[in-house]
Every structure is written in structure tokens, then in C-alpha cells.
Amino acid sequence: MTSRIRSWGTRNLSYMGRVTLINSVLLAIHTYWAQIFILPKKLLKDIEATCKSFLWKGTQEASGPGLVAWEFICRPKSAGGLGFRNIQQ
């Protein structure tokens, strides 16, 4: 996951471009591994933190709070969110 974010970080992606990559690639990787193994809560928190920092900063390193609460981001698109799955539930 981190190598993909590093390669994407070199591109000038918009927020919606990052949203698309998170939904279609990063969360798909998580879903694949979660079907095979029971992932520890610490790993789920790290994956979520990586997704948050990539969404807001375009990099892997997190610094500061996000612009919108993550609970709102994880809402369905019809409810005003971005349609991310909440991986900790």
C-alpha cells in the first residue's frame, strides 16, 4: 500500500482523483486481505490513517486533523459522504 501511495504522491491528483484511488485500490487491497486473515485492530487503524493522510495531504505522512470528520467521509454518497467503507466496523 505504501509503495502505491508513494508513486501516486508524485502526481498532482485532485481530491476526487485521490477519492477514486482510495475506493478502487487501497480499500480493495484491504478487502482482499480481510477475506483471508483476521486483521488486527492496530493494522486497521494504520490503514485508515494512511487513507486519511493520502486523501488530505496526497502523501503517506499524516500531519494535523482532516478538513471533515472521517465519520462523514464514510457515509454513503446519497447521504453526502464520499462512500468510503469504515474498515474498523
Protein backbone atom coordinates (compact mmCIF):
# COMPACT_ATOMS: atom_id res chain seq x y z
CA MET A 1 0.00 0.00 0.00
CA THR A 2 2.71 2.45 0.94
CA SER A 3 4.61 1.95 -2.32
CA ARG A 4 1.46 2.73 -4.29
CA ILE A 5 0.89 5.92 -2.30
CA ARG A 6 4.50 6.97 -2.83
CA SER A 7 4.13 6.56 -6.58
CA TRP A 8 0.78 8.40 -6.61
CA GLY A 9 2.20 11.17 -4.43
CA THR A 10 4.48 12.27 -7.25
CA ARG A 11 1.43 13.07 -9.39
CA ASN A 12 -0.68 16.18 -8.96
CA LEU A 13 -4.01 14.49 -8.16
CA SER A 14 -7.23 16.30 -7.28
CA TYR A 15 -9.28 15.35 -4.23
CA MET A 16 -11.69 13.35 -6.37
CA GLY A 17 -8.77 11.59 -8.03
CA ARG A 18 -7.49 10.58 -4.60
CA VAL A 19 -11.01 9.51 -3.55
CA THR A 20 -11.24 7.27 -6.60
CA LEU A 21 -7.84 5.69 -5.92
CA ILE A 22 -8.66 5.09 -2.25
CA ASN A 23 -12.01 3.48 -3.07
CA SER A 24 -10.87 1.40 -6.02
CA VAL A 25 -7.35 0.34 -4.98
CA LEU A 26 -6.48 0.87 -1.32
CA LEU A 27 -9.75 -0.34 0.17
CA ALA A 28 -9.84 -3.21 -2.34
CA ILE A 29 -6.43 -4.38 -1.08
CA HIS A 30 -7.78 -4.25 2.46
CA THR A 31 -10.89 -6.21 1.46
CA TYR A 32 -8.80 -8.91 -0.20
CA TRP A 33 -6.59 -9.46 2.85
CA ALA A 34 -9.52 -9.22 5.27
CA GLN A 35 -11.19 -12.14 3.47
CA ILE A 36 -8.14 -14.31 4.06
CA PHE A 37 -6.98 -13.19 7.53
CA ILE A 38 -8.48 -11.60 10.61
CA LEU A 39 -6.67 -8.27 10.64
CA PRO A 40 -5.60 -6.79 14.00
CA LYS A 41 -7.23 -3.54 15.11
CA LYS A 42 -3.84 -1.78 15.09
CA LEU A 43 -3.38 -2.61 11.41
CA LEU A 44 -6.89 -1.37 10.62
CA LYS A 45 -6.11 1.93 12.38
CA ASP A 46 -2.88 2.24 10.38
CA ILE A 47 -4.71 1.58 7.09
CA GLU A 48 -7.34 4.17 7.97
CA ALA A 49 -4.66 6.71 8.95
CA THR A 50 -2.87 6.07 5.64
CA CYS A 51 -6.10 6.63 3.69
CA LYS A 52 -6.82 9.82 5.64
CA SER A 53 -3.38 11.30 5.09
CA PHE A 54 -3.42 10.42 1.39
CA LEU A 55 -6.86 11.99 0.98
CA TRP A 56 -5.99 15.27 2.72
CA LYS A 57 -2.27 15.69 2.00
CA GLY A 58 -1.60 13.48 -1.02
CA THR A 59 1.19 11.74 0.88
CA GLN A 60 1.59 8.93 3.35
CA GLU A 61 2.68 11.12 6.27
CA ALA A 62 -0.14 12.46 8.43
CA SER A 63 0.11 15.91 9.93
CA GLY A 64 -2.80 17.59 11.61
CA PRO A 65 -6.52 16.94 11.54
CA GLY A 66 -8.57 16.47 8.40
CA LEU A 67 -10.91 19.05 6.96
CA VAL A 68 -14.01 16.91 7.55
CA ALA A 69 -14.70 14.26 10.21
CA TRP A 70 -13.96 10.74 8.99
CA GLU A 71 -17.45 9.59 10.01
CA PHE A 72 -18.91 11.99 7.42
CA ILE A 73 -16.46 10.78 4.76
CA CYS A 74 -17.57 7.18 5.34
CA ARG A 75 -21.24 7.98 4.76
CA PRO A 76 -22.84 6.82 1.51
CA LYS A 77 -22.76 9.25 -1.40
CA SER A 78 -26.53 9.62 -1.21
CA ALA A 79 -26.15 10.87 2.39
CA GLY A 80 -23.47 13.44 1.49
CA GLY A 81 -20.36 11.34 2.13
CA LEU A 82 -17.71 10.01 -0.22
CA GLY A 83 -18.80 6.38 0.02
CA PHE A 84 -15.74 5.03 1.85
CA ARG A 85 -16.19 1.85 3.84
CA ASN A 86 -15.46 2.22 7.54
CA ILE A 87 -12.94 -0.59 7.90
CA GLN A 88 -12.98 -0.57 11.70
CA GLN A 89 -16.60 -1.71 11.90
